[in-house]
């Protein structure tokens, strides 16, 4: 009862809908509903993006910085948490933790069954899947017109 009295004043501060969603999320995980809503499946094949016309209105002062970042990605250097850079090769191992130099072993498990901290912090494993690199490659293609960025983007997807 004491714990409930401490939690109740927080609900309006956090927002009723946020608290309700967090409760729904926890319940749906516990009962396996998320696993059924988001089943494992086969990867989608084929190119995701096709070519388009080159952008002519991109600010020139941004272009060089963008193309440097795109070249890093093209050459296999990926960034974790917008800061830490690691050279992983052109197509990275999506289950690799570069901070600990370890590969995550639970690759066949559904994401709802993976512990947040079981084999290290799962956020590190999932960081590349946040697609920070995607917009950089897409913009580099659009600005430069160089198909290599579009091809790498499709290859990574």
Protein backbone atom coordinates (compact mmCIF):
# COMPACT_ATOMS: atom_id res chain seq x y z
CA UNK A 1 0.00 0.00 0.00
CA UNK A 2 2.88 2.34 0.83
CA UNK A 3 4.41 1.74 -2.59
CA UNK A 4 1.10 2.50 -4.31
CA UNK A 5 0.83 5.82 -2.47
CA UNK A 6 4.28 6.76 -3.77
CA UNK A 7 3.44 5.79 -7.36
CA UNK A 8 -0.02 7.39 -7.68
CA UNK A 9 1.20 11.04 -7.64
CA UNK A 10 3.64 10.21 -10.45
CA UNK A 11 0.94 9.13 -12.90
CA UNK A 12 -0.25 12.65 -13.81
CA UNK A 13 3.35 13.80 -14.15
CA UNK A 14 4.24 10.92 -16.47
CA UNK A 15 0.94 11.19 -18.30
CA UNK A 16 -1.96 8.81 -18.02
CA UNK A 17 -1.60 7.49 -21.58
CA UNK A 18 2.14 6.90 -21.15
CA UNK A 19 1.55 4.92 -17.99
CA UNK A 20 -1.32 3.00 -19.59
CA UNK A 21 0.83 2.16 -22.63
CA UNK A 22 3.73 1.02 -20.43
CA UNK A 23 1.34 -1.24 -18.51
CA UNK A 24 -0.14 -2.59 -21.77
CA UNK A 25 3.35 -3.21 -23.12
CA UNK A 26 4.42 -5.17 -20.03
CA UNK A 27 1.21 -7.22 -20.03
CA UNK A 28 1.46 -7.95 -23.76
CA UNK A 29 5.05 -9.16 -23.30
CA UNK A 30 4.14 -11.36 -20.35
CA UNK A 31 1.29 -13.08 -22.19
CA UNK A 32 3.19 -13.43 -25.49
CA UNK A 33 0.87 -11.13 -27.43
CA UNK A 34 3.79 -9.09 -28.83
CA UNK A 35 5.39 -12.25 -30.15
CA UNK A 36 2.18 -13.08 -32.04
CA UNK A 37 1.69 -9.49 -33.24
CA UNK A 38 5.25 -9.30 -34.59
CA UNK A 39 6.21 -12.80 -35.78
CA UNK A 40 9.63 -13.69 -37.13
CA UNK A 41 9.63 -13.96 -40.88
CA UNK A 42 11.71 -14.03 -43.99
CA UNK A 43 13.63 -10.95 -45.03
CA UNK A 44 12.15 -8.89 -47.80
CA UNK A 45 14.25 -9.24 -50.93
CA UNK A 46 15.10 -6.84 -53.70
CA UNK A 47 16.06 -3.20 -53.84
CA UNK A 48 14.08 -1.01 -51.48
CA UNK A 49 14.88 2.30 -53.13
CA UNK A 50 15.23 3.24 -56.76
CA UNK A 51 17.11 6.13 -58.28
CA UNK A 52 15.81 9.65 -58.47
CA UNK A 53 16.92 13.01 -59.74
CA UNK A 54 19.82 14.79 -58.11
CA UNK A 55 18.97 17.50 -55.58
CA UNK A 56 19.97 20.97 -56.65
CA UNK A 57 18.85 22.93 -53.60
CA UNK A 58 21.06 21.26 -50.96
CA UNK A 59 23.20 23.83 -49.09
CA UNK A 60 26.77 23.66 -50.39
CA UNK A 61 28.24 24.29 -46.92
CA UNK A 62 26.65 21.02 -45.71
CA UNK A 63 27.60 18.90 -48.71
CA UNK A 64 31.23 18.16 -47.85
CA UNK A 65 30.44 17.08 -44.29
CA UNK A 66 27.62 14.84 -45.56
CA UNK A 67 29.80 13.18 -48.19
CA UNK A 68 32.59 12.53 -45.66
CA UNK A 69 30.08 10.81 -43.36
CA UNK A 70 28.64 8.82 -46.27
CA UNK A 71 32.11 7.71 -47.36
CA UNK A 72 32.81 6.43 -43.84
CA UNK A 73 29.66 4.33 -43.96
CA UNK A 74 30.37 3.20 -47.51
CA UNK A 75 33.84 2.08 -46.42
CA UNK A 76 32.51 0.20 -43.38
CA UNK A 77 32.83 2.64 -40.49
CA UNK A 78 29.61 2.82 -38.50
CA UNK A 79 28.72 5.07 -35.58
CA UNK A 80 27.14 3.97 -32.30
CA UNK A 81 25.07 6.45 -30.31
CA UNK A 82 26.09 9.32 -32.64
CA UNK A 83 29.63 9.27 -31.26
CA UNK A 84 31.59 5.97 -31.19
CA UNK A 85 32.98 4.87 -34.56
CA UNK A 86 33.90 1.28 -35.41
CA UNK A 87 35.24 -0.21 -38.62
CA UNK A 88 33.12 -3.29 -39.36
CA UNK A 89 33.51 -3.78 -43.08
CA UNK A 90 31.06 -2.92 -45.82
CA UNK A 91 28.27 -5.20 -44.56
CA UNK A 92 28.38 -5.39 -40.77
CA UNK A 93 27.53 -8.29 -38.52
CA UNK A 94 24.19 -7.09 -37.14
CA UNK A 95 24.70 -9.11 -33.94
CA UNK A 96 28.14 -7.74 -33.06
CA UNK A 97 28.96 -5.70 -29.96
CA UNK A 98 32.04 -3.65 -30.89
CA UNK A 99 32.49 -2.36 -27.34
CA UNK A 100 33.09 -5.87 -26.00
CA UNK A 101 34.28 -7.44 -29.28
CA UNK A 102 31.59 -10.12 -28.93
CA UNK A 103 28.85 -11.52 -31.12
CA UNK A 104 25.39 -11.83 -29.62
CA UNK A 105 24.48 -15.53 -29.63
CA UNK A 106 20.70 -15.42 -29.25
CA UNK A 107 20.09 -14.56 -32.90
CA UNK A 108 17.28 -17.08 -33.41
CA UNK A 109 15.22 -15.81 -30.48
CA UNK A 110 12.29 -13.47 -30.90
CA UNK A 111 13.17 -9.95 -29.70
CA UNK A 112 10.60 -10.22 -26.89
CA UNK A 113 12.53 -13.15 -25.40
CA UNK A 114 15.92 -11.44 -25.29
CA UNK A 115 17.00 -10.02 -21.95
CA UNK A 116 17.96 -6.36 -21.96
CA UNK A 117 21.22 -7.17 -20.20
CA UNK A 118 21.63 -10.96 -20.61
CA UNK A 119 24.64 -10.89 -22.95
CA UNK A 120 25.48 -7.27 -22.36
CA UNK A 121 23.35 -4.24 -23.09
CA UNK A 122 21.01 -5.17 -25.96
CA UNK A 123 20.86 -1.50 -27.03
CA UNK A 124 24.42 -1.88 -28.30
CA UNK A 125 23.43 -4.83 -30.48
CA UNK A 126 20.35 -3.05 -31.81
CA UNK A 127 22.02 0.34 -32.41
CA UNK A 128 22.79 -0.29 -36.11
CA UNK A 129 19.18 -1.32 -36.60
CA UNK A 130 18.08 2.20 -35.66
CA UNK A 131 19.11 3.08 -39.25
CA UNK A 132 21.11 6.21 -38.45
CA UNK A 133 23.27 5.35 -41.47
CA UNK A 134 20.26 5.17 -43.83
CA UNK A 135 19.49 8.86 -44.01
CA UNK A 136 23.16 9.71 -44.47
CA UNK A 137 23.48 7.38 -47.46
CA UNK A 138 20.14 8.50 -48.92
CA UNK A 139 21.07 12.18 -48.67
CA UNK A 140 24.55 11.52 -50.09
CA UNK A 141 22.99 9.78 -53.08
CA UNK A 142 20.48 12.58 -53.60
CA UNK A 143 23.12 15.31 -53.32
CA UNK A 144 25.93 13.66 -55.29
CA UNK A 145 23.95 11.51 -57.71
CA UNK A 146 26.53 8.75 -57.09
CA UNK A 147 24.78 5.37 -57.35
CA UNK A 148 27.27 3.70 -54.99
CA UNK A 149 25.47 5.25 -52.00
CA UNK A 150 22.08 4.01 -53.20
CA UNK A 151 23.50 0.55 -53.89
CA UNK A 152 25.07 0.32 -50.41
CA UNK A 153 21.86 1.52 -48.80
CA UNK A 154 19.87 -1.23 -50.56
CA UNK A 155 22.56 -3.80 -49.77
CA UNK A 156 22.44 -2.96 -46.06
CA UNK A 157 18.66 -3.13 -46.00
